[in-house]
Amino acid sequence: MHDLGILLAKIPRECEPPFGYEIASLSEFAAVRRYEEGALEWGLDEAEEARDLGRAAIDWARGLIRNTGKE
């Protein structure tokens, strides 16, 4: 599955990520890069935004994992 918005919609409301659904904008990039090498052109600004969103997602997920079972 390449639609991050659909995956995020499955997350319980109390666990929603702090970056919201903004990361869903990366879905197009993932699908195009996988199936159409080079068809989507992103500049440095878009690449940096994607990197920052990815890091935020990883940090958020790590926090959830660390807190699992502590309640």
N, C-alpha and C. Protein backbone atom coordinates (compact mmCIF):
# COMPACT_ATOMS: atom_id res chain seq x y z
N MET A 1 0.85 -1.17 0.00
CA MET A 1 0.00 0.00 0.00
C MET A 1 0.90 1.23 0.00
N HIS A 2 0.53 2.19 -0.84
CA HIS A 2 1.34 3.40 -0.96
C HIS A 2 0.61 4.65 -0.47
N ASP A 3 -0.62 4.52 -0.05
CA ASP A 3 -1.38 5.69 0.38
C ASP A 3 -1.23 5.88 1.88
N LEU A 4 -0.36 6.79 2.26
CA LEU A 4 -0.11 7.03 3.68
C LEU A 4 -1.33 7.61 4.38
N GLY A 5 -2.17 8.34 3.66
CA GLY A 5 -3.39 8.90 4.24
C GLY A 5 -4.32 7.80 4.73
N ILE A 6 -4.46 6.74 3.95
CA ILE A 6 -5.32 5.61 4.34
C ILE A 6 -4.73 4.93 5.57
N LEU A 7 -3.43 4.74 5.58
CA LEU A 7 -2.80 4.10 6.74
C LEU A 7 -2.96 4.96 7.99
N LEU A 8 -2.79 6.27 7.86
CA LEU A 8 -2.95 7.16 9.01
C LEU A 8 -4.39 7.16 9.53
N ALA A 9 -5.35 7.02 8.63
CA ALA A 9 -6.76 7.01 9.03
C ALA A 9 -7.09 5.81 9.91
N LYS A 10 -6.27 4.78 9.84
CA LYS A 10 -6.50 3.58 10.65
C LYS A 10 -5.94 3.70 12.06
N ILE A 11 -5.19 4.75 12.32
CA ILE A 11 -4.59 4.95 13.64
C ILE A 11 -5.65 5.50 14.60
N PRO A 12 -5.77 4.94 15.78
CA PRO A 12 -6.75 5.45 16.75
C PRO A 12 -6.51 6.93 17.04
N ARG A 13 -7.58 7.66 17.24
CA ARG A 13 -7.51 9.11 17.44
C ARG A 13 -6.54 9.50 18.56
N GLU A 14 -6.50 8.71 19.63
CA GLU A 14 -5.62 9.06 20.76
C GLU A 14 -4.13 8.86 20.43
N CYS A 15 -3.85 8.23 19.31
CA CYS A 15 -2.45 7.98 18.92
C CYS A 15 -2.05 8.76 17.66
N GLU A 16 -2.88 9.67 17.21
CA GLU A 16 -2.58 10.39 15.98
C GLU A 16 -1.22 11.09 16.07
N PRO A 17 -0.49 11.07 14.97
CA PRO A 17 0.84 11.68 14.97
C PRO A 17 0.77 13.20 15.03
N PRO A 18 1.79 13.83 15.59
CA PRO A 18 1.79 15.28 15.73
C PRO A 18 1.87 16.02 14.40
N PHE A 19 2.34 15.35 13.36
CA PHE A 19 2.45 15.97 12.04
C PHE A 19 1.16 15.83 11.25
N GLY A 20 0.16 15.22 11.84
CA GLY A 20 -1.14 15.06 11.21
C GLY A 20 -1.08 14.30 9.90
N TYR A 21 -1.88 14.71 8.97
CA TYR A 21 -1.97 14.02 7.68
C TYR A 21 -1.04 14.63 6.64
N GLU A 22 -0.21 15.54 7.06
CA GLU A 22 0.73 16.19 6.14
C GLU A 22 1.64 15.17 5.45
N ILE A 23 1.97 14.12 6.16
CA ILE A 23 2.87 13.11 5.60
C ILE A 23 2.23 12.36 4.43
N ALA A 24 0.91 12.42 4.32
CA ALA A 24 0.23 11.77 3.20
C ALA A 24 0.69 12.34 1.86
N SER A 25 1.23 13.55 1.87
CA SER A 25 1.73 14.15 0.63
C SER A 25 2.89 13.37 0.04
N LEU A 26 3.52 12.52 0.84
CA LEU A 26 4.64 11.71 0.36
C LEU A 26 4.18 10.48 -0.42
N SER A 27 2.90 10.15 -0.36
CA SER A 27 2.39 8.96 -1.05
C SER A 27 2.68 9.01 -2.54
N GLU A 28 2.44 10.14 -3.16
CA GLU A 28 2.66 10.26 -4.60
C GLU A 28 4.13 10.01 -4.93
N PHE A 29 5.01 10.56 -4.13
CA PHE A 29 6.44 10.38 -4.36
C PHE A 29 6.82 8.91 -4.28
N ALA A 30 6.35 8.21 -3.28
CA ALA A 30 6.71 6.80 -3.09
C ALA A 30 6.24 5.95 -4.26
N ALA A 31 5.01 6.13 -4.69
CA ALA A 31 4.47 5.32 -5.77
C ALA A 31 5.15 5.62 -7.10
N VAL A 32 5.34 6.88 -7.39
CA VAL A 32 5.96 7.25 -8.67
C VAL A 32 7.40 6.79 -8.72
N ARG A 33 8.14 6.99 -7.67
CA ARG A 33 9.55 6.58 -7.66
C ARG A 33 9.67 5.07 -7.78
N ARG A 34 8.73 4.35 -7.25
CA ARG A 34 8.82 2.90 -7.30
C ARG A 34 8.52 2.37 -8.70
N TYR A 35 7.53 2.97 -9.38
CA TYR A 35 7.07 2.41 -10.65
C TYR A 35 7.48 3.19 -11.89
N GLU A 36 7.83 4.44 -11.73
CA GLU A 36 8.16 5.27 -12.88
C GLU A 36 9.46 6.02 -12.60
N GLU A 37 10.54 5.36 -12.66
CA GLU A 37 11.83 5.94 -12.31
C GLU A 37 12.01 7.33 -12.93
N GLY A 38 12.08 8.33 -12.08
CA GLY A 38 12.38 9.68 -12.51
C GLY A 38 11.23 10.51 -13.04
N ALA A 39 10.00 10.01 -13.04
CA ALA A 39 8.88 10.77 -13.62
C ALA A 39 8.46 11.95 -12.77
N LEU A 40 8.67 11.89 -11.48
CA LEU A 40 8.30 12.97 -10.58
C LEU A 40 9.55 13.74 -10.20
N GLU A 41 9.53 15.03 -10.49
CA GLU A 41 10.70 15.84 -10.18
C GLU A 41 10.47 16.66 -8.92
N TRP A 42 11.31 16.43 -7.95
CA TRP A 42 11.27 17.20 -6.71
C TRP A 42 12.57 17.96 -6.61
N GLY A 43 12.48 19.15 -6.08
CA GLY A 43 13.66 19.94 -5.85
C GLY A 43 14.20 19.71 -4.45
N LEU A 44 15.23 20.45 -4.10
CA LEU A 44 15.86 20.31 -2.79
C LEU A 44 14.88 20.62 -1.66
N ASP A 45 14.05 21.64 -1.83
CA ASP A 45 13.09 22.00 -0.79
C ASP A 45 12.13 20.86 -0.50
N GLU A 46 11.62 20.23 -1.55
CA GLU A 46 10.68 19.12 -1.38
C GLU A 46 11.39 17.91 -0.75
N ALA A 47 12.62 17.68 -1.15
CA ALA A 47 13.38 16.56 -0.57
C ALA A 47 13.63 16.79 0.92
N GLU A 48 13.97 18.01 1.28
CA GLU A 48 14.20 18.32 2.70
C GLU A 48 12.92 18.20 3.51
N GLU A 49 11.80 18.63 2.93
CA GLU A 49 10.52 18.50 3.63
C GLU A 49 10.17 17.02 3.83
N ALA A 50 10.41 16.22 2.80
CA ALA A 50 10.14 14.78 2.90
C ALA A 50 11.02 14.15 3.98
N ARG A 51 12.28 14.54 4.01
CA ARG A 51 13.20 14.02 5.03
C ARG A 51 12.72 14.39 6.42
N ASP A 52 12.32 15.65 6.60
CA ASP A 52 11.86 16.11 7.91
C ASP A 52 10.59 15.40 8.36
N LEU A 53 9.66 15.20 7.41
CA LEU A 53 8.43 14.47 7.74
C LEU A 53 8.74 13.02 8.09
N GLY A 54 9.66 12.42 7.36
CA GLY A 54 10.05 11.05 7.66
C GLY A 54 10.67 10.92 9.03
N ARG A 55 11.54 11.86 9.38
CA ARG A 55 12.15 11.83 10.71
C ARG A 55 11.10 12.02 11.81
N ALA A 56 10.15 12.92 11.56
CA ALA A 56 9.08 13.14 12.55
C ALA A 56 8.26 11.87 12.73
N ALA A 57 7.99 11.17 11.63
CA ALA A 57 7.22 9.93 11.71
C ALA A 57 7.98 8.86 12.50
N ILE A 58 9.27 8.76 12.26
CA ILE A 58 10.08 7.76 12.98
C ILE A 58 10.13 8.09 14.47
N ASP A 59 10.34 9.36 14.80
CA ASP A 59 10.38 9.76 16.21
C ASP A 59 9.05 9.48 16.90
N TRP A 60 7.95 9.79 16.21
CA TRP A 60 6.61 9.54 16.76
C TRP A 60 6.40 8.05 16.99
N ALA A 61 6.77 7.22 16.00
CA ALA A 61 6.59 5.77 16.12
C ALA A 61 7.45 5.20 17.25
N ARG A 62 8.67 5.69 17.36
CA ARG A 62 9.54 5.22 18.45
C ARG A 62 8.93 5.55 19.81
N GLY A 63 8.34 6.73 19.92
CA GLY A 63 7.69 7.11 21.17
C GLY A 63 6.53 6.18 21.51
N LEU A 64 5.75 5.81 20.51
CA LEU A 64 4.65 4.87 20.73
C LEU A 64 5.17 3.51 21.19
N ILE A 65 6.24 3.06 20.55
CA ILE A 65 6.80 1.75 20.89
C ILE A 65 7.34 1.76 22.31
N ARG A 66 8.04 2.83 22.68
CA ARG A 66 8.59 2.93 24.04
C ARG A 66 7.49 2.93 25.10
N ASN A 67 6.35 3.54 24.77
CA ASN A 67 5.26 3.66 25.73
C ASN A 67 4.34 2.46 25.76
N THR A 68 4.49 1.54 24.83
CA THR A 68 3.64 0.36 24.78
C THR A 68 3.87 -0.50 26.03
N GLY A 69 2.81 -0.80 26.69
CA GLY A 69 2.90 -1.67 27.85
C GLY A 69 3.23 -0.95 29.16
N LYS A 70 3.41 0.36 29.12
CA LYS A 70 3.75 1.09 30.34
C LYS A 70 2.52 1.53 31.13
N GLU A 71 1.36 1.35 30.54
CA GLU A 71 0.14 1.82 31.22
C GLU A 71 -0.48 0.73 32.05
